[in-house]
N, C-alpha and C. Protein backbone atom coordinates (compact mmCIF):
# COMPACT_ATOMS: atom_id res chain seq x y z
N UNK A 1 57.86 -26.52 -22.40
CA UNK A 1 56.51 -27.07 -23.93
C UNK A 1 55.67 -27.41 -22.85
N UNK A 2 54.19 -27.45 -23.41
CA UNK A 2 53.47 -27.81 -23.15
C UNK A 2 52.80 -28.62 -23.50
N UNK A 3 52.27 -29.67 -23.03
CA UNK A 3 52.02 -31.32 -23.65
C UNK A 3 50.26 -30.93 -23.97
N UNK A 4 49.75 -31.74 -25.01
CA UNK A 4 48.40 -31.37 -25.37
C UNK A 4 47.56 -32.57 -24.56
N UNK A 5 46.88 -32.24 -24.05
CA UNK A 5 45.86 -33.52 -23.54
C UNK A 5 46.02 -32.86 -22.03
N UNK A 6 46.83 -32.07 -21.79
CA UNK A 6 46.99 -32.09 -20.07
C UNK A 6 45.98 -31.24 -19.62
N UNK A 7 45.58 -31.81 -18.74
CA UNK A 7 44.07 -31.55 -17.69
C UNK A 7 44.59 -29.54 -17.30
N UNK A 8 45.66 -30.01 -16.95
CA UNK A 8 45.40 -28.26 -16.05
C UNK A 8 45.96 -27.39 -17.11
N UNK A 9 45.80 -27.46 -18.52
CA UNK A 9 46.46 -25.94 -19.04
C UNK A 9 45.09 -25.59 -20.13
N UNK A 10 44.07 -25.36 -19.21
CA UNK A 10 42.74 -24.84 -19.37
C UNK A 10 41.50 -25.47 -20.69
N UNK A 11 41.76 -27.05 -20.57
CA UNK A 11 41.21 -27.04 -21.46
C UNK A 11 39.38 -27.90 -20.82
N UNK A 12 38.60 -27.63 -21.65
CA UNK A 12 37.58 -27.78 -20.28
C UNK A 12 37.25 -29.15 -20.29
N UNK A 13 36.80 -29.28 -18.91
CA UNK A 13 36.23 -30.62 -18.33
C UNK A 13 35.11 -31.00 -19.24
N UNK A 14 35.35 -32.64 -19.91
CA UNK A 14 33.93 -33.00 -19.76
C UNK A 14 32.53 -32.83 -19.17
N UNK A 15 31.78 -33.48 -19.95
CA UNK A 15 30.40 -32.99 -18.58
C UNK A 15 29.76 -34.12 -18.84
N UNK A 16 29.58 -34.87 -18.03
CA UNK A 16 28.75 -36.54 -18.12
C UNK A 16 27.53 -36.33 -17.35
N UNK A 17 26.43 -37.08 -18.48
CA UNK A 17 25.24 -37.12 -18.36
C UNK A 17 24.55 -38.21 -16.99
N UNK A 18 24.65 -38.03 -16.10
CA UNK A 18 24.40 -38.93 -14.73
C UNK A 18 22.84 -39.61 -15.21
N UNK A 19 22.70 -40.67 -14.05
CA UNK A 19 21.82 -41.69 -14.08
C UNK A 19 20.29 -40.32 -13.22
N UNK A 20 21.01 -39.58 -12.42
CA UNK A 20 19.95 -39.08 -11.91
C UNK A 20 19.60 -37.62 -12.77
N UNK A 21 20.13 -37.31 -13.66
CA UNK A 21 19.64 -35.98 -14.68
C UNK A 21 18.83 -36.25 -15.68
N UNK A 22 19.06 -37.73 -16.13
CA UNK A 22 18.61 -38.56 -16.82
C UNK A 22 17.08 -38.95 -16.17
N UNK A 23 17.07 -39.27 -15.01
CA UNK A 23 15.70 -39.55 -14.02
C UNK A 23 14.52 -37.91 -14.25
N UNK A 24 15.80 -37.24 -13.49
CA UNK A 24 14.99 -35.48 -13.38
C UNK A 24 14.52 -35.28 -14.72
N UNK A 25 14.97 -35.63 -16.02
CA UNK A 25 14.62 -34.66 -17.21
C UNK A 25 12.86 -35.66 -17.82
N UNK A 26 13.33 -36.78 -17.25
CA UNK A 26 12.15 -38.11 -17.66
C UNK A 26 10.78 -37.58 -16.53
N UNK A 27 11.27 -37.29 -15.28
CA UNK A 27 9.99 -37.18 -14.77
C UNK A 27 9.45 -35.47 -14.75
N UNK A 28 10.36 -34.73 -15.03
CA UNK A 28 9.37 -33.23 -15.74
C UNK A 28 9.31 -33.20 -17.31
N UNK A 29 9.20 -34.39 -18.23
CA UNK A 29 8.19 -34.41 -19.18
C UNK A 29 7.36 -35.50 -18.98
N UNK A 30 7.00 -36.27 -18.07
CA UNK A 30 6.32 -36.94 -17.76
C UNK A 30 4.91 -36.18 -17.13
N UNK A 31 5.70 -34.99 -16.19
CA UNK A 31 4.77 -34.40 -15.28
C UNK A 31 4.30 -33.40 -16.51
N UNK A 32 4.70 -32.82 -17.59
CA UNK A 32 4.06 -31.53 -18.36
C UNK A 32 3.19 -32.47 -19.07
N UNK A 33 3.26 -33.81 -19.64
CA UNK A 33 2.48 -34.38 -20.27
C UNK A 33 0.88 -34.78 -19.69
N UNK A 34 1.30 -35.01 -18.16
CA UNK A 34 0.19 -35.21 -17.30
C UNK A 34 -0.95 -34.11 -16.94
N UNK A 35 -0.07 -33.03 -16.85
CA UNK A 35 -0.46 -31.72 -16.38
C UNK A 35 -1.22 -31.31 -17.90
N UNK A 36 -0.84 -31.15 -19.09
CA UNK A 36 -1.78 -31.43 -20.31
C UNK A 36 -3.14 -31.90 -20.43
N UNK A 37 -2.96 -33.53 -20.38
CA UNK A 37 -3.49 -34.52 -20.35
C UNK A 37 -4.73 -33.91 -19.22
N UNK A 38 -4.31 -33.84 -18.20
CA UNK A 38 -5.64 -33.54 -16.96
C UNK A 38 -6.33 -32.33 -17.21
N UNK A 39 -5.65 -30.65 -17.77
CA UNK A 39 -6.07 -29.75 -18.52
C UNK A 39 -7.37 -30.03 -19.48
N UNK A 40 -7.13 -30.71 -20.36
CA UNK A 40 -7.80 -31.20 -21.84
C UNK A 40 -8.69 -31.76 -21.49
N UNK A 41 -8.62 -33.19 -20.60
CA UNK A 41 -9.94 -33.61 -20.20
C UNK A 41 -10.87 -32.77 -19.10
N UNK A 42 -10.42 -31.89 -18.15
CA UNK A 42 -11.34 -30.79 -17.72
C UNK A 42 -11.80 -29.85 -18.63
N UNK A 43 -11.28 -29.39 -19.25
CA UNK A 43 -11.90 -28.94 -20.16
C UNK A 43 -12.77 -29.57 -20.96
N UNK A 44 -12.63 -30.41 -21.47
CA UNK A 44 -13.74 -31.00 -22.26
C UNK A 44 -14.93 -31.72 -21.92
N UNK A 45 -14.59 -32.16 -20.34
CA UNK A 45 -15.91 -32.64 -19.47
C UNK A 45 -16.47 -31.69 -18.74
N UNK A 46 -16.10 -30.44 -18.74
CA UNK A 46 -16.73 -29.23 -18.17
C UNK A 46 -17.72 -28.54 -19.34
N UNK A 47 -17.32 -28.88 -20.48
CA UNK A 47 -17.80 -28.21 -21.82
C UNK A 47 -19.08 -29.13 -22.49
N UNK A 48 -18.82 -30.06 -22.00
CA UNK A 48 -19.66 -31.42 -22.48
C UNK A 48 -20.89 -31.45 -22.25
N UNK A 49 -22.21 -31.21 -22.90
CA UNK A 49 -23.87 -31.19 -22.62
C UNK A 49 -23.49 -32.69 -22.39
N UNK A 50 -23.51 -33.62 -22.79
CA UNK A 50 -24.05 -34.51 -22.43
C UNK A 50 -24.82 -35.07 -23.56
N UNK A 51 -25.23 -34.68 -24.45
CA UNK A 51 -26.70 -35.11 -25.34
C UNK A 51 -26.36 -34.95 -26.90
N UNK A 52 -25.70 -35.86 -27.64
CA UNK A 52 -25.57 -35.71 -29.31
C UNK A 52 -27.02 -35.54 -29.98
N UNK A 53 -27.72 -36.46 -29.86
CA UNK A 53 -29.24 -36.09 -30.10
C UNK A 53 -30.20 -37.25 -29.82
N UNK A 54 -31.27 -36.39 -29.36
CA UNK A 54 -32.65 -36.92 -28.73
C UNK A 54 -32.87 -38.09 -29.73
N UNK A 55 -32.71 -38.94 -29.72
CA UNK A 55 -33.27 -40.34 -30.39
C UNK A 55 -32.48 -40.79 -31.76
N UNK A 56 -31.49 -40.79 -31.47
CA UNK A 56 -30.08 -40.62 -32.93
C UNK A 56 -30.86 -41.27 -34.09
N UNK A 57 -31.63 -43.05 -33.19
CA UNK A 57 -31.81 -44.16 -34.07
C UNK A 57 -33.00 -43.66 -35.12
N UNK A 58 -34.10 -43.33 -34.26
CA UNK A 58 -35.34 -42.97 -34.41
C UNK A 58 -35.05 -41.82 -35.65
N UNK A 59 -34.29 -40.64 -35.86
CA UNK A 59 -33.59 -39.97 -36.45
C UNK A 59 -33.55 -40.21 -37.89
N UNK A 60 -33.07 -41.19 -37.35
CA UNK A 60 -31.75 -41.67 -38.37
C UNK A 60 -32.53 -42.20 -39.60
N UNK A 61 -33.55 -43.22 -38.88
CA UNK A 61 -34.92 -43.86 -39.59
C UNK A 61 -35.74 -42.85 -40.94
N UNK A 62 -36.13 -41.62 -40.24
CA UNK A 62 -36.72 -40.57 -40.99
C UNK A 62 -35.97 -39.63 -41.62
N UNK A 63 -34.34 -40.07 -41.68
CA UNK A 63 -33.61 -39.36 -42.33
C UNK A 63 -34.24 -38.76 -44.01
N UNK A 64 -34.66 -39.75 -44.63
CA UNK A 64 -35.05 -39.33 -46.36
C UNK A 64 -36.68 -38.34 -45.67
N UNK A 65 -37.10 -38.68 -44.62
CA UNK A 65 -38.65 -37.74 -44.48
C UNK A 65 -38.42 -36.33 -44.54
N UNK A 66 -36.82 -35.89 -43.82
CA UNK A 66 -36.31 -34.86 -43.62
C UNK A 66 -35.78 -34.40 -44.89
N UNK A 67 -35.43 -35.22 -45.44
CA UNK A 67 -34.65 -34.59 -46.92
C UNK A 67 -35.92 -33.82 -47.77
N UNK A 68 -36.87 -34.80 -48.28
CA UNK A 68 -38.28 -34.41 -48.86
C UNK A 68 -39.09 -33.37 -47.98
N UNK A 69 -38.98 -32.87 -46.79
CA UNK A 69 -39.66 -31.69 -46.48
C UNK A 69 -38.39 -30.63 -46.56
N UNK A 70 -37.42 -30.92 -46.76
CA UNK A 70 -36.60 -29.98 -46.87
C UNK A 70 -36.88 -29.04 -48.13
N UNK A 71 -37.12 -30.10 -49.17
CA UNK A 71 -37.09 -29.95 -50.67
C UNK A 71 -38.95 -29.34 -51.32
N UNK A 72 -39.52 -29.40 -50.21
CA UNK A 72 -41.18 -29.33 -50.24
C UNK A 72 -40.69 -27.89 -49.50
N UNK A 73 -40.07 -27.62 -48.31
CA UNK A 73 -39.84 -25.73 -48.41
C UNK A 73 -39.10 -25.45 -49.40
N UNK A 74 -37.94 -25.59 -49.89
CA UNK A 74 -37.35 -25.17 -51.11
C UNK A 74 -38.22 -24.90 -52.61
N UNK A 75 -39.13 -25.76 -52.28
CA UNK A 75 -40.46 -25.56 -53.52
C UNK A 75 -41.52 -24.04 -52.98
N UNK A 76 -41.74 -23.67 -51.75
CA UNK A 76 -42.45 -22.93 -51.32
C UNK A 76 -41.61 -21.61 -51.36
N UNK A 77 -40.65 -21.09 -51.62
CA UNK A 77 -39.76 -20.38 -51.79
C UNK A 77 -40.30 -19.21 -50.44
N UNK A 78 -40.17 -19.71 -49.52
CA UNK A 78 -40.49 -19.07 -48.11
C UNK A 78 -39.54 -18.16 -47.97
N UNK A 79 -39.01 -17.10 -47.55
CA UNK A 79 -37.98 -16.65 -46.63
C UNK A 79 -38.62 -15.39 -45.39
N UNK A 80 -37.53 -15.36 -44.87
CA UNK A 80 -37.30 -15.22 -43.32
C UNK A 80 -36.74 -13.89 -43.10
N UNK A 81 -37.02 -12.74 -42.35
CA UNK A 81 -36.13 -11.88 -41.75
C UNK A 81 -36.37 -11.76 -40.28
N UNK A 82 -35.52 -12.36 -39.80
CA UNK A 82 -35.21 -12.26 -37.99
C UNK A 82 -34.41 -11.54 -37.52
N UNK A 83 -34.94 -10.35 -36.46
CA UNK A 83 -33.97 -9.30 -36.22
C UNK A 83 -34.16 -9.74 -34.45
N UNK A 84 -33.14 -9.46 -33.52
CA UNK A 84 -33.39 -9.50 -32.39
C UNK A 84 -32.41 -8.42 -31.65
N UNK A 85 -33.54 -7.56 -31.36
CA UNK A 85 -32.94 -6.47 -30.67
C UNK A 85 -31.53 -6.77 -29.45
N UNK A 86 -30.92 -5.40 -29.11
CA UNK A 86 -30.26 -5.64 -28.10
C UNK A 86 -31.09 -5.85 -26.57
N UNK A 87 -32.04 -5.34 -26.43
CA UNK A 87 -32.61 -5.56 -25.32
C UNK A 87 -33.56 -6.87 -25.48
N UNK A 88 -33.38 -7.86 -26.48
CA UNK A 88 -34.17 -9.03 -26.25
C UNK A 88 -35.60 -9.26 -27.19
N UNK A 89 -36.15 -8.32 -27.70
CA UNK A 89 -36.97 -8.17 -28.87
C UNK A 89 -36.76 -8.47 -29.76
N UNK A 90 -37.31 -10.07 -30.36
CA UNK A 90 -37.68 -11.00 -30.88
C UNK A 90 -38.30 -10.22 -31.79
N UNK A 91 -38.08 -10.15 -33.54
CA UNK A 91 -38.93 -9.95 -34.79
C UNK A 91 -38.69 -10.84 -36.03
N UNK A 92 -39.55 -11.62 -36.26
CA UNK A 92 -39.64 -12.54 -37.58
C UNK A 92 -40.56 -12.25 -38.39
N UNK A 93 -40.28 -11.80 -39.56
CA UNK A 93 -41.00 -12.10 -41.03
C UNK A 93 -41.13 -12.78 -41.90
N UNK A 94 -42.14 -14.00 -42.16
CA UNK A 94 -41.54 -15.08 -42.91
C UNK A 94 -42.59 -14.52 -44.18
N UNK A 95 -42.27 -14.73 -45.16
CA UNK A 95 -42.96 -14.13 -46.44
C UNK A 95 -42.99 -15.29 -47.30
N UNK A 96 -43.73 -15.29 -48.37
CA UNK A 96 -44.10 -15.84 -49.43
C UNK A 96 -43.16 -15.34 -50.66
N UNK A 97 -43.20 -16.18 -52.03
CA UNK A 97 -42.45 -16.24 -53.28
C UNK A 97 -43.20 -14.44 -53.35
N UNK A 98 -44.54 -14.37 -53.65
CA UNK A 98 -44.56 -12.89 -54.02
C UNK A 98 -44.93 -11.56 -52.71
N UNK A 99 -43.67 -11.78 -51.60
CA UNK A 99 -43.60 -11.23 -50.60
C UNK A 99 -44.03 -11.32 -50.00
N UNK A 100 -45.52 -11.56 -50.04
CA UNK A 100 -46.69 -11.39 -49.05
C UNK A 100 -46.52 -12.41 -47.25
N UNK A 101 -46.63 -11.38 -46.43
CA UNK A 101 -46.33 -11.82 -45.00
C UNK A 101 -47.23 -13.54 -45.08
N UNK A 102 -46.63 -14.52 -44.94
CA UNK A 102 -47.18 -15.26 -44.35
C UNK A 102 -47.95 -15.75 -42.97
N UNK A 103 -48.97 -15.50 -42.37
CA UNK A 103 -49.56 -15.49 -41.48
C UNK A 103 -50.22 -17.37 -41.03
N UNK A 104 -50.86 -17.04 -39.75
CA UNK A 104 -51.14 -18.43 -39.37
C UNK A 104 -50.22 -19.66 -38.80
N UNK A 105 -49.25 -19.21 -38.92
CA UNK A 105 -48.04 -19.94 -37.97
C UNK A 105 -48.39 -19.99 -36.84
N UNK A 106 -47.62 -21.34 -35.98
CA UNK A 106 -47.41 -21.26 -34.87
C UNK A 106 -45.71 -21.76 -34.97
N UNK A 107 -45.22 -19.88 -34.40
CA UNK A 107 -43.73 -20.37 -34.65
C UNK A 107 -42.74 -20.68 -33.28
N UNK A 108 -42.09 -21.15 -33.17
CA UNK A 108 -40.90 -22.21 -31.98
C UNK A 108 -39.27 -21.25 -32.31
N UNK A 109 -38.57 -20.91 -31.48
CA UNK A 109 -37.34 -20.26 -31.63
C UNK A 109 -36.68 -21.18 -30.31
N UNK A 110 -35.45 -21.75 -31.04
CA UNK A 110 -34.38 -22.41 -29.98
C UNK A 110 -33.54 -20.90 -30.42
N UNK A 111 -32.70 -20.28 -29.23
CA UNK A 111 -31.59 -19.60 -29.02
C UNK A 111 -30.80 -19.94 -28.21
N UNK A 112 -29.51 -20.66 -28.62
CA UNK A 112 -28.51 -21.23 -28.05
C UNK A 112 -27.20 -21.36 -28.38
N UNK A 113 -25.83 -21.25 -27.59
CA UNK A 113 -24.15 -21.40 -27.66
C UNK A 113 -24.25 -22.35 -28.97
N UNK A 114 -23.80 -22.38 -29.96
CA UNK A 114 -22.92 -23.41 -30.50
C UNK A 114 -22.50 -24.47 -29.98
N UNK A 115 -21.90 -24.24 -29.15
CA UNK A 115 -20.97 -25.53 -28.10
C UNK A 115 -21.68 -25.95 -26.75
N UNK A 116 -23.01 -25.68 -26.19
CA UNK A 116 -22.97 -25.81 -25.00
C UNK A 116 -25.13 -25.97 -25.01
N UNK A 117 -25.27 -26.42 -24.24
CA UNK A 117 -26.65 -25.94 -24.33
C UNK A 117 -27.09 -25.29 -23.06
N UNK A 118 -26.36 -25.30 -22.16
CA UNK A 118 -26.71 -24.40 -21.13
C UNK A 118 -27.23 -23.31 -20.76
N UNK A 119 -27.30 -22.22 -21.99
CA UNK A 119 -27.89 -21.13 -22.21
C UNK A 119 -29.30 -20.94 -22.63
N UNK A 120 -29.75 -22.24 -23.50
CA UNK A 120 -30.39 -22.57 -24.61
C UNK A 120 -32.14 -21.51 -23.85
N UNK A 121 -32.35 -20.93 -24.94
CA UNK A 121 -33.91 -20.06 -24.33
C UNK A 121 -34.37 -20.92 -25.44
N UNK A 122 -35.87 -21.22 -25.24
CA UNK A 122 -36.97 -22.08 -26.09
C UNK A 122 -38.21 -21.05 -25.62
N UNK A 123 -38.82 -20.54 -27.07
CA UNK A 123 -40.36 -19.38 -26.86
C UNK A 123 -40.70 -19.80 -28.41
N UNK A 124 -42.41 -19.51 -27.97
CA UNK A 124 -43.21 -19.94 -29.11
C UNK A 124 -43.64 -18.22 -29.47
N UNK A 125 -43.12 -17.80 -30.55
CA UNK A 125 -43.49 -16.41 -30.94
C UNK A 125 -44.83 -15.94 -31.07
N UNK A 126 -45.44 -14.92 -30.90
CA UNK A 126 -46.67 -14.17 -31.03
C UNK A 126 -46.89 -13.97 -32.56
N UNK A 127 -48.18 -13.99 -32.96
CA UNK A 127 -48.38 -13.57 -34.09
C UNK A 127 -48.73 -12.01 -34.14
N UNK A 128 -48.46 -11.02 -34.56
CA UNK A 128 -49.11 -9.88 -34.71
C UNK A 128 -48.88 -9.39 -36.19
N UNK A 129 -49.91 -8.93 -36.84
CA UNK A 129 -50.00 -7.66 -37.39
C UNK A 129 -48.97 -8.20 -38.86
N UNK A 130 -49.24 -9.56 -38.99
CA UNK A 130 -47.92 -10.22 -40.28
C UNK A 130 -46.44 -10.34 -39.79
N UNK A 131 -46.44 -10.38 -38.64
CA UNK A 131 -45.19 -10.95 -37.76
C UNK A 131 -45.32 -11.10 -37.03
N UNK A 132 -43.98 -12.04 -36.56
CA UNK A 132 -44.29 -13.03 -34.96
C UNK A 132 -43.22 -12.57 -34.17
N UNK A 133 -43.60 -12.14 -32.66
CA UNK A 133 -42.69 -11.08 -32.01
C UNK A 133 -42.33 -12.06 -30.61
N UNK A 134 -41.20 -12.13 -30.16
CA UNK A 134 -40.87 -12.47 -28.84
C UNK A 134 -40.15 -11.83 -27.88
N UNK A 135 -39.86 -12.22 -26.42
CA UNK A 135 -39.00 -11.22 -25.85
C UNK A 135 -38.41 -12.28 -24.85
N UNK A 136 -37.15 -12.05 -24.98
CA UNK A 136 -36.27 -13.06 -24.32
C UNK A 136 -34.85 -11.49 -23.03
N UNK A 137 -34.31 -12.70 -22.31
CA UNK A 137 -33.38 -11.46 -21.86
C UNK A 137 -32.27 -10.83 -22.96
N UNK A 138 -31.88 -9.91 -22.42
CA UNK A 138 -30.71 -9.78 -23.20
C UNK A 138 -29.31 -10.50 -24.08
N UNK A 139 -29.06 -11.35 -24.90
CA UNK A 139 -27.91 -12.00 -24.86
C UNK A 139 -26.61 -11.58 -24.68
N UNK A 140 -25.93 -12.07 -23.95
CA UNK A 140 -24.38 -11.69 -23.80
C UNK A 140 -23.49 -12.02 -25.06
N UNK A 141 -22.46 -11.38 -24.94
CA UNK A 141 -22.00 -11.47 -26.79
C UNK A 141 -21.35 -12.46 -26.58
N UNK A 142 -20.93 -12.43 -28.01
CA UNK A 142 -20.75 -13.89 -28.48
C UNK A 142 -21.26 -14.95 -29.65
N UNK A 143 -20.70 -15.82 -29.66
CA UNK A 143 -21.96 -16.54 -31.20
C UNK A 143 -22.65 -17.15 -30.51
N UNK A 144 -23.94 -17.35 -31.33
CA UNK A 144 -25.38 -18.00 -31.25
C UNK A 144 -25.57 -18.80 -32.03
N UNK A 145 -26.50 -19.30 -31.80
CA UNK A 145 -27.31 -20.13 -32.98
C UNK A 145 -29.17 -19.95 -32.94
N UNK A 146 -29.61 -19.71 -34.52
CA UNK A 146 -31.44 -19.35 -33.69
C UNK A 146 -31.82 -20.54 -34.94
N UNK A 147 -32.34 -21.30 -34.49
CA UNK A 147 -33.20 -22.33 -35.17
C UNK A 147 -34.91 -22.15 -35.11
N UNK A 148 -35.45 -21.79 -35.86
CA UNK A 148 -37.06 -21.70 -36.20
C UNK A 148 -37.62 -22.85 -37.01
N UNK A 149 -38.48 -23.18 -36.38
CA UNK A 149 -39.68 -24.13 -36.80
C UNK A 149 -41.13 -23.20 -36.95
N UNK A 150 -41.79 -23.33 -38.12
CA UNK A 150 -43.12 -22.91 -38.19
C UNK A 150 -43.86 -24.29 -38.25
N UNK A 151 -45.31 -24.21 -38.02
CA UNK A 151 -46.16 -25.27 -38.61
C UNK A 151 -47.14 -24.39 -38.27
N UNK A 152 -48.54 -24.89 -39.44
CA UNK A 152 -49.54 -24.75 -39.52
C UNK A 152 -50.19 -24.11 -38.17
N UNK A 153 -50.82 -23.06 -37.40
CA UNK A 153 -51.33 -22.90 -36.37
C UNK A 153 -52.44 -24.15 -36.10
N UNK A 154 -52.14 -24.63 -35.00
CA UNK A 154 -53.03 -25.80 -34.05
C UNK A 154 -52.59 -26.72 -34.60
N UNK A 155 -51.71 -27.12 -35.48
CA UNK A 155 -50.93 -28.48 -35.86
C UNK A 155 -49.76 -29.04 -35.44
N UNK A 156 -49.74 -30.24 -34.96
CA UNK A 156 -48.43 -30.54 -34.32
C UNK A 156 -47.66 -31.60 -35.74
N UNK A 157 -46.81 -32.36 -35.36
CA UNK A 157 -46.11 -32.54 -36.22
C UNK A 157 -45.03 -32.02 -37.21
N UNK A 158 -44.59 -32.83 -38.01
CA UNK A 158 -43.21 -32.15 -38.49
C UNK A 158 -43.29 -30.76 -38.89
N UNK A 159 -42.69 -29.47 -38.88
CA UNK A 159 -42.82 -28.15 -39.24
C UNK A 159 -42.79 -28.31 -40.87
N UNK A 160 -43.51 -27.23 -41.24
CA UNK A 160 -43.30 -26.75 -42.85
C UNK A 160 -42.33 -25.96 -43.48
N UNK A 161 -41.68 -25.10 -42.15
CA UNK A 161 -40.88 -24.35 -42.42
C UNK A 161 -39.84 -24.42 -41.61
N UNK A 162 -38.60 -24.58 -41.63
CA UNK A 162 -37.38 -24.42 -40.71
C UNK A 162 -36.55 -23.14 -41.11
N UNK A 163 -35.58 -23.06 -40.53
CA UNK A 163 -34.29 -22.04 -40.67
C UNK A 163 -33.55 -22.52 -39.65
N UNK A 164 -32.22 -21.99 -39.72
CA UNK A 164 -31.24 -22.02 -38.84
C UNK A 164 -30.07 -20.91 -39.02
N UNK A 165 -30.07 -19.91 -38.52
CA UNK A 165 -28.72 -18.63 -38.53
C UNK A 165 -28.04 -18.61 -37.14
N UNK A 166 -27.27 -18.27 -38.46
CA UNK A 166 -25.49 -17.87 -37.33
C UNK A 166 -26.25 -16.26 -36.33
N UNK A 167 -25.48 -16.14 -35.30
CA UNK A 167 -25.97 -15.14 -34.63
C UNK A 167 -24.38 -14.64 -34.09
N UNK A 168 -24.22 -13.18 -34.30
CA UNK A 168 -22.90 -13.01 -33.48
C UNK A 168 -23.51 -11.92 -32.91
N UNK A 169 -23.16 -11.74 -31.24
CA UNK A 169 -23.56 -10.41 -30.53
C UNK A 169 -22.32 -9.71 -30.12
N UNK A 170 -21.94 -8.89 -30.48
CA UNK A 170 -20.55 -8.08 -30.53
C UNK A 170 -20.77 -7.44 -28.77
N UNK A 171 -19.47 -7.69 -28.11
CA UNK A 171 -19.35 -7.37 -26.69
C UNK A 171 -19.18 -5.55 -26.66
């Protein structure tokens, strides 16, 4: 008759956790944490352009002026129609509330990625027959932001019309 608890009777041996196993698990865990942190730091530093805002303090002081300019623009009720052809041709039409084209403006366009300034393109559009036109290199696929600023021709200072559009270029 067999006795219970006899090690020779097929009962599995107890597995014991040793100090070396604990050390190995801790080292693997910390290695994974450091590798993930290193990858995140590299991704953050390689995509950060370094610029948050040009002169943020001064811009903050003039924030109320910006709000008033947006209110004046809303009251003008101007509308824009922007197209960027696959070959990079830019066509912009700005019309008033009466649907008549607004001419005699100096229009600046800035096109760039939402996440970086590495591919930013800035240009001044040329007025042609009630429209404004320009040419850039074809845009690679992905998300783009187009910022428009229009001033009275020959005038410096604050724009009288601003618009920001998000653009998706399909692959």
